[in-house]
């Protein structure tokens, strides 16, 4: 049981890392100087993708915490 939960915990951790890295940054940085911030981009589509990634991050974080506590109580 502990092995299965540990494997699931590792998979959730990897998913959490990927969702955090895929989220777009709110910092404009040097892109604003070059005009990248004003490029023609479908902002509604980008916002929906960011919202899904944020939701996935929250869910993965919650599952990660619960699995960590369960493994701590078992072990």
PDB file of N, CA and C in Angstrom:
ATOM      1  N   UNK A   1       0.827  -1.198   0.000  1.00  0.00           N
ATOM      2  CA  UNK A   1       0.000   0.000   0.000  1.00  0.00           C
ATOM      3  C   UNK A   1       0.875   1.267   0.000  1.00  0.00           C
ATOM      4  N   UNK A   2       1.920   1.239   0.798  1.00  0.00           N
ATOM      5  CA  UNK A   2       2.803   2.398   0.877  1.00  0.00           C
ATOM      6  C   UNK A   2       3.504   2.647  -0.454  1.00  0.00           C
ATOM      7  N   UNK A   3       3.870   1.581  -1.130  1.00  0.00           N
ATOM      8  CA  UNK A   3       4.554   1.721  -2.422  1.00  0.00           C
ATOM      9  C   UNK A   3       3.638   2.357  -3.460  1.00  0.00           C
ATOM     10  N   UNK A   4       2.396   1.908  -3.494  1.00  0.00           N
ATOM     11  CA  UNK A   4       1.434   2.450  -4.457  1.00  0.00           C
ATOM     12  C   UNK A   4       1.180   3.933  -4.176  1.00  0.00           C
ATOM     13  N   UNK A   5       0.987   4.277  -2.917  1.00  0.00           N
ATOM     14  CA  UNK A   5       0.762   5.683  -2.564  1.00  0.00           C
ATOM     15  C   UNK A   5       1.989   6.538  -2.855  1.00  0.00           C
ATOM     16  N   UNK A   6       3.167   5.978  -2.675  1.00  0.00           N
ATOM     17  CA  UNK A   6       4.392   6.724  -2.978  1.00  0.00           C
ATOM     18  C   UNK A   6       4.517   6.998  -4.475  1.00  0.00           C
ATOM     19  N   UNK A   7       4.163   6.013  -5.285  1.00  0.00           N
ATOM     20  CA  UNK A   7       4.211   6.204  -6.733  1.00  0.00           C
ATOM     21  C   UNK A   7       3.197   7.254  -7.170  1.00  0.00           C
ATOM     22  N   UNK A   8       1.997   7.187  -6.595  1.00  0.00           N
ATOM     23  CA  UNK A   8       0.970   8.188  -6.920  1.00  0.00           C
ATOM     24  C   UNK A   8       1.435   9.573  -6.479  1.00  0.00           C
ATOM     25  N   UNK A   9       2.083   9.652  -5.321  1.00  0.00           N
ATOM     26  CA  UNK A   9       2.592  10.934  -4.830  1.00  0.00           C
ATOM     27  C   UNK A   9       3.639  11.514  -5.777  1.00  0.00           C
ATOM     28  N   UNK A  10       4.510  10.679  -6.291  1.00  0.00           N
ATOM     29  CA  UNK A  10       5.524  11.141  -7.243  1.00  0.00           C
ATOM     30  C   UNK A  10       4.872  11.637  -8.531  1.00  0.00           C
ATOM     31  N   UNK A  11       3.868  10.919  -9.013  1.00  0.00           N
ATOM     32  CA  UNK A  11       3.167  11.342 -10.233  1.00  0.00           C
ATOM     33  C   UNK A  11       2.430  12.663 -10.026  1.00  0.00           C
ATOM     34  N   UNK A  12       1.813  12.820  -8.865  1.00  0.00           N
ATOM     35  CA  UNK A  12       1.129  14.082  -8.561  1.00  0.00           C
ATOM     36  C   UNK A  12       2.139  15.223  -8.458  1.00  0.00           C
ATOM     37  N   UNK A  13       3.299  14.950  -7.867  1.00  0.00           N
ATOM     38  CA  UNK A  13       4.342  15.972  -7.756  1.00  0.00           C
ATOM     39  C   UNK A  13       4.829  16.408  -9.132  1.00  0.00           C
ATOM     40  N   UNK A  14       5.017  15.451 -10.032  1.00  0.00           N
ATOM     41  CA  UNK A  14       5.441  15.787 -11.392  1.00  0.00           C
ATOM     42  C   UNK A  14       4.370  16.598 -12.118  1.00  0.00           C
ATOM     43  N   UNK A  15       3.100  16.213 -11.951  1.00  0.00           N
ATOM     44  CA  UNK A  15       2.001  16.961 -12.559  1.00  0.00           C
ATOM     45  C   UNK A  15       1.946  18.385 -12.004  1.00  0.00           C
ATOM     46  N   UNK A  16       2.167  18.513 -10.713  1.00  0.00           N
ATOM     47  CA  UNK A  16       2.180  19.832 -10.072  1.00  0.00           C
ATOM     48  C   UNK A  16       3.298  20.701 -10.634  1.00  0.00           C
ATOM     49  N   UNK A  17       4.459  20.140 -10.815  1.00  0.00           N
ATOM     50  CA  UNK A  17       5.589  20.882 -11.377  1.00  0.00           C
ATOM     51  C   UNK A  17       5.273  21.349 -12.801  1.00  0.00           C
ATOM     52  N   UNK A  18       4.711  20.451 -13.602  1.00  0.00           N
ATOM     53  CA  UNK A  18       4.401  20.784 -14.995  1.00  0.00           C
ATOM     54  C   UNK A  18       3.348  21.885 -15.071  1.00  0.00           C
ATOM     55  N   UNK A  19       2.292  21.791 -14.253  1.00  0.00           N
ATOM     56  CA  UNK A  19       1.248  22.817 -14.316  1.00  0.00           C
ATOM     57  C   UNK A  19       1.762  24.178 -13.862  1.00  0.00           C
ATOM     58  N   UNK A  20       2.647  24.194 -12.891  1.00  0.00           N
ATOM     59  CA  UNK A  20       3.207  25.475 -12.440  1.00  0.00           C
ATOM     60  C   UNK A  20       4.100  26.071 -13.528  1.00  0.00           C
ATOM     61  N   UNK A  21       4.898  25.242 -14.175  1.00  0.00           N
ATOM     62  CA  UNK A  21       5.805  25.751 -15.202  1.00  0.00           C
ATOM     63  C   UNK A  21       5.072  26.210 -16.461  1.00  0.00           C
ATOM     64  N   UNK A  22       3.917  25.629 -16.762  1.00  0.00           N
ATOM     65  CA  UNK A  22       3.178  25.991 -17.958  1.00  0.00           C
ATOM     66  C   UNK A  22       2.362  27.275 -17.809  1.00  0.00           C
ATOM     67  N   UNK A  23       2.151  27.720 -16.572  1.00  0.00           N
ATOM     68  CA  UNK A  23       1.374  28.934 -16.368  1.00  0.00           C
ATOM     69  C   UNK A  23       2.154  30.142 -16.862  1.00  0.00           C
ATOM     70  N   UNK A  24       1.409  31.081 -17.458  1.00  0.00           N
ATOM     71  CA  UNK A  24       2.072  32.279 -17.967  1.00  0.00           C
ATOM     72  C   UNK A  24       2.372  33.235 -16.818  1.00  0.00           C
ATOM     73  N   UNK A  25       3.414  33.980 -16.999  1.00  0.00           N
ATOM     74  CA  UNK A  25       3.845  34.924 -15.980  1.00  0.00           C
ATOM     75  C   UNK A  25       3.057  36.219 -16.092  1.00  0.00           C
ATOM     76  N   UNK A  26       2.808  36.866 -14.965  1.00  0.00           N
ATOM     77  CA  UNK A  26       2.132  38.156 -14.970  1.00  0.00           C
ATOM     78  C   UNK A  26       3.105  39.317 -15.082  1.00  0.00           C
ATOM     79  N   UNK A  27       4.378  39.031 -15.074  1.00  0.00           N
ATOM     80  CA  UNK A  27       5.403  40.059 -15.165  1.00  0.00           C
ATOM     81  C   UNK A  27       5.666  40.356 -16.636  1.00  0.00           C
ATOM     82  N   UNK A  28       5.667  41.622 -16.997  1.00  0.00           N
ATOM     83  CA  UNK A  28       5.878  41.991 -18.395  1.00  0.00           C
ATOM     84  C   UNK A  28       7.342  41.884 -18.803  1.00  0.00           C
ATOM     85  N   UNK A  29       8.240  42.281 -17.964  1.00  0.00           N
ATOM     86  CA  UNK A  29       9.668  42.169 -18.251  1.00  0.00           C
ATOM     87  C   UNK A  29      10.083  42.932 -19.500  1.00  0.00           C
ATOM     88  N   UNK A  30      11.069  42.429 -20.211  1.00  0.00           N
ATOM     89  CA  UNK A  30      11.595  43.095 -21.393  1.00  0.00           C
ATOM     90  C   UNK A  30      10.677  42.949 -22.591  1.00  0.00           C
ATOM     91  N   UNK A  31       9.714  42.028 -22.534  1.00  0.00           N
ATOM     92  CA  UNK A  31       8.783  41.855 -23.636  1.00  0.00           C
ATOM     93  C   UNK A  31       7.931  43.093 -23.866  1.00  0.00           C
ATOM     94  N   UNK A  32       7.647  43.837 -22.822  1.00  0.00           N
ATOM     95  CA  UNK A  32       6.857  45.058 -22.951  1.00  0.00           C
ATOM     96  C   UNK A  32       7.627  46.118 -23.730  1.00  0.00           C
ATOM     97  N   UNK A  33       8.937  46.142 -23.577  1.00  0.00           N
ATOM     98  CA  UNK A  33       9.756  47.119 -24.293  1.00  0.00           C
ATOM     99  C   UNK A  33       9.767  46.799 -25.786  1.00  0.00           C
ATOM    100  N   UNK A  34       9.855  45.538 -26.115  1.00  0.00           N
ATOM    101  CA  UNK A  34       9.937  45.120 -27.509  1.00  0.00           C
ATOM    102  C   UNK A  34       8.574  45.098 -28.198  1.00  0.00           C
ATOM    103  N   UNK A  35       7.502  45.319 -27.455  1.00  0.00           N
ATOM    104  CA  UNK A  35       6.180  45.327 -28.056  1.00  0.00           C
ATOM    105  C   UNK A  35       5.505  43.976 -28.041  1.00  0.00           C
ATOM    106  N   UNK A  36       6.091  43.034 -27.345  1.00  0.00           N
ATOM    107  CA  UNK A  36       5.508  41.696 -27.294  1.00  0.00           C
ATOM    108  C   UNK A  36       4.175  41.697 -26.561  1.00  0.00           C
ATOM    109  N   UNK A  37       4.013  42.580 -25.601  1.00  0.00           N
ATOM    110  CA  UNK A  37       2.782  42.612 -24.816  1.00  0.00           C
ATOM    111  C   UNK A  37       1.595  43.082 -25.638  1.00  0.00           C
ATOM    112  N   UNK A  38       1.830  43.774 -26.726  1.00  0.00           N
ATOM    113  CA  UNK A  38       0.731  44.272 -27.543  1.00  0.00           C
ATOM    114  C   UNK A  38       0.491  43.431 -28.788  1.00  0.00           C
ATOM    115  N   UNK A  39       1.108  42.275 -28.854  1.00  0.00           N
ATOM    116  CA  UNK A  39       0.946  41.412 -30.016  1.00  0.00           C
ATOM    117  C   UNK A  39      -0.497  40.918 -30.100  1.00  0.00           C
ATOM    118  N   UNK A  40      -0.909  40.574 -31.324  1.00  0.00           N
ATOM    119  CA  UNK A  40      -2.262  40.057 -31.506  1.00  0.00           C
ATOM    120  C   UNK A  40      -2.328  38.643 -30.957  1.00  0.00           C
ATOM    121  N   UNK A  41      -2.960  38.527 -29.803  1.00  0.00           N
ATOM    122  CA  UNK A  41      -3.098  37.228 -29.166  1.00  0.00           C
ATOM    123  C   UNK A  41      -4.518  37.097 -28.671  1.00  0.00           C
ATOM    124  N   UNK A  42      -5.080  35.964 -28.818  1.00  0.00           N
ATOM    125  CA  UNK A  42      -6.436  35.741 -28.357  1.00  0.00           C
ATOM    126  C   UNK A  42      -6.420  35.653 -26.835  1.00  0.00           C
ATOM    127  N   UNK A  43      -6.731  36.774 -26.188  1.00  0.00           N
ATOM    128  CA  UNK A  43      -6.610  36.854 -24.740  1.00  0.00           C
ATOM    129  C   UNK A  43      -7.647  36.003 -24.029  1.00  0.00           C
ATOM    130  N   UNK A  44      -8.815  35.829 -24.632  1.00  0.00           N
ATOM    131  CA  UNK A  44      -9.839  34.996 -23.996  1.00  0.00           C
ATOM    132  C   UNK A  44      -9.379  33.544 -23.947  1.00  0.00           C
ATOM    133  N   UNK A  45      -8.757  33.083 -25.019  1.00  0.00           N
ATOM    134  CA  UNK A  45      -8.267  31.705 -25.057  1.00  0.00           C
ATOM    135  C   UNK A  45      -7.128  31.527 -24.066  1.00  0.00           C
ATOM    136  N   UNK A  46      -6.234  32.487 -24.014  1.00  0.00           N
ATOM    137  CA  UNK A  46      -5.106  32.407 -23.088  1.00  0.00           C
ATOM    138  C   UNK A  46      -5.596  32.432 -21.642  1.00  0.00           C
ATOM    139  N   UNK A  47      -6.622  33.248 -21.387  1.00  0.00           N
ATOM    140  CA  UNK A  47      -7.157  33.331 -20.030  1.00  0.00           C
ATOM    141  C   UNK A  47      -7.806  32.010 -19.628  1.00  0.00           C
ATOM    142  N   UNK A  48      -8.495  31.358 -20.558  1.00  0.00           N
ATOM    143  CA  UNK A  48      -9.132  30.092 -20.213  1.00  0.00           C
ATOM    144  C   UNK A  48      -8.099  28.998 -19.972  1.00  0.00           C
ATOM    145  N   UNK A  49      -7.031  29.003 -20.743  1.00  0.00           N
ATOM    146  CA  UNK A  49      -5.965  28.020 -20.528  1.00  0.00           C
ATOM    147  C   UNK A  49      -5.291  28.275 -19.187  1.00  0.00           C
ATOM    148  N   UNK A  50      -5.028  29.540 -18.882  1.00  0.00           N
ATOM    149  CA  UNK A  50      -4.419  29.873 -17.590  1.00  0.00           C
ATOM    150  C   UNK A  50      -5.333  29.493 -16.436  1.00  0.00           C
ATOM    151  N   UNK A  51      -6.634  29.676 -16.609  1.00  0.00           N
ATOM    152  CA  UNK A  51      -7.580  29.315 -15.558  1.00  0.00           C
ATOM    153  C   UNK A  51      -7.595  27.804 -15.339  1.00  0.00           C
ATOM    154  N   UNK A  52      -7.533  27.043 -16.426  1.00  0.00           N
ATOM    155  CA  UNK A  52      -7.495  25.581 -16.289  1.00  0.00           C
ATOM    156  C   UNK A  52      -6.203  25.126 -15.633  1.00  0.00           C
ATOM    157  N   UNK A  53      -5.091  25.754 -15.999  1.00  0.00           N
ATOM    158  CA  UNK A  53      -3.818  25.398 -15.369  1.00  0.00           C
ATOM    159  C   UNK A  53      -3.813  25.755 -13.887  1.00  0.00           C
ATOM    160  N   UNK A  54      -4.404  26.900 -13.549  1.00  0.00           N
ATOM    161  CA  UNK A  54      -4.475  27.302 -12.142  1.00  0.00           C
ATOM    162  C   UNK A  54      -5.339  26.331 -11.345  1.00  0.00           C
ATOM    163  N   UNK A  55      -6.459  25.905 -11.926  1.00  0.00           N
ATOM    164  CA  UNK A  55      -7.314  24.931 -11.256  1.00  0.00           C
ATOM    165  C   UNK A  55      -6.595  23.599 -11.098  1.00  0.00           C
ATOM    166  N   UNK A  56      -5.899  23.166 -12.138  1.00  0.00           N
ATOM    167  CA  UNK A  56      -5.130  21.921 -12.057  1.00  0.00           C
ATOM    168  C   UNK A  56      -4.046  21.993 -10.996  1.00  0.00           C
ATOM    169  N   UNK A  57      -3.428  23.151 -10.863  1.00  0.00           N
ATOM    170  CA  UNK A  57      -2.391  23.342  -9.848  1.00  0.00           C
ATOM    171  C   UNK A  57      -2.985  23.245  -8.451  1.00  0.00           C
ATOM    172  N   UNK A  58      -4.136  23.875  -8.249  1.00  0.00           N
ATOM    173  CA  UNK A  58      -4.781  23.834  -6.930  1.00  0.00           C
ATOM    174  C   UNK A  58      -5.194  22.414  -6.558  1.00  0.00           C
ATOM    175  N   UNK A  59      -5.763  21.698  -7.515  1.00  0.00           N
ATOM    176  CA  UNK A  59      -6.190  20.329  -7.246  1.00  0.00           C
ATOM    177  C   UNK A  59      -4.985  19.438  -6.959  1.00  0.00           C
ATOM    178  N   UNK A  60      -3.943  19.561  -7.775  1.00  0.00           N
ATOM    179  CA  UNK A  60      -2.741  18.750  -7.575  1.00  0.00           C
ATOM    180  C   UNK A  60      -2.082  19.058  -6.230  1.00  0.00           C
ATOM    181  N   UNK A  61      -2.081  20.329  -5.836  1.00  0.00           N
ATOM    182  CA  UNK A  61      -1.495  20.692  -4.542  1.00  0.00           C
ATOM    183  C   UNK A  61      -2.290  20.082  -3.393  1.00  0.00           C
ATOM    184  N   UNK A  62      -3.604  20.115  -3.505  1.00  0.00           N
ATOM    185  CA  UNK A  62      -4.448  19.513  -2.471  1.00  0.00           C
ATOM    186  C   UNK A  62      -4.236  18.010  -2.370  1.00  0.00           C
ATOM    187  N   UNK A  63      -4.191  17.339  -3.516  1.00  0.00           N
ATOM    188  CA  UNK A  63      -3.952  15.890  -3.526  1.00  0.00           C
ATOM    189  C   UNK A  63      -2.566  15.575  -2.973  1.00  0.00           C
ATOM    190  N   UNK A  64      -1.591  16.395  -3.315  1.00  0.00           N
ATOM    191  CA  UNK A  64      -0.227  16.198  -2.823  1.00  0.00           C
ATOM    192  C   UNK A  64      -0.177  16.286  -1.293  1.00  0.00           C
ATOM    193  N   UNK A  65      -0.840  17.287  -0.731  1.00  0.00           N
ATOM    194  CA  UNK A  65      -0.839  17.458   0.722  1.00  0.00           C
ATOM    195  C   UNK A  65      -1.541  16.284   1.399  1.00  0.00           C
ATOM    196  N   UNK A  66      -2.697  15.888   0.868  1.00  0.00           N
ATOM    197  CA  UNK A  66      -3.448  14.779   1.471  1.00  0.00           C
ATOM    198  C   UNK A  66      -2.644  13.482   1.401  1.00  0.00           C
ATOM    199  N   UNK A  67      -2.056  13.191   0.242  1.00  0.00           N
ATOM    200  CA  UNK A  67      -1.250  11.971   0.119  1.00  0.00           C
ATOM    201  C   UNK A  67      -0.036  12.000   1.038  1.00  0.00           C
ATOM    202  N   UNK A  68       0.581  13.161   1.166  1.00  0.00           N
ATOM    203  CA  UNK A  68       1.737  13.280   2.067  1.00  0.00           C
ATOM    204  C   UNK A  68       1.333  12.997   3.508  1.00  0.00           C
ATOM    205  N   UNK A  69       0.198  13.526   3.924  1.00  0.00           N
ATOM    206  CA  UNK A  69      -0.270  13.276   5.293  1.00  0.00           C
ATOM    207  C   UNK A  69      -0.645  11.812   5.504  1.00  0.00           C
ATOM    208  N   UNK A  70      -1.289  11.210   4.502  1.00  0.00           N
ATOM    209  CA  UNK A  70      -1.650   9.795   4.621  1.00  0.00           C
ATOM    210  C   UNK A  70      -0.401   8.927   4.718  1.00  0.00           C
ATOM    211  N   UNK A  71       0.589   9.208   3.888  1.00  0.00           N
ATOM    212  CA  UNK A  71       1.838   8.440   3.967  1.00  0.00           C
ATOM    213  C   UNK A  71       2.556   8.652   5.286  1.00  0.00           C
ATOM    214  N   UNK A  72       2.468   9.840   5.824  1.00  0.00           N
ATOM    215  CA  UNK A  72       3.096  10.126   7.115  1.00  0.00           C
ATOM    216  C   UNK A  72       2.392   9.338   8.232  1.00  0.00           C
ATOM    217  N   UNK A  73       1.055   9.263   8.161  1.00  0.00           N
ATOM    218  CA  UNK A  73       0.312   8.536   9.198  1.00  0.00           C
ATOM    219  C   UNK A  73       0.533   7.028   9.100  1.00  0.00           C
ATOM    220  N   UNK A  74       0.664   6.520   7.874  1.00  0.00           N
ATOM    221  CA  UNK A  74       0.888   5.085   7.693  1.00  0.00           C
ATOM    222  C   UNK A  74       2.291   4.689   8.157  1.00  0.00           C
ATOM    223  N   UNK A  75       3.256   5.504   7.737  1.00  0.00           N
ATOM    224  CA  UNK A  75       4.661   5.163   8.000  1.00  0.00           C
ATOM    225  C   UNK A  75       5.066   5.507   9.363  1.00  0.00           C
TER     226      UNK A  75
END
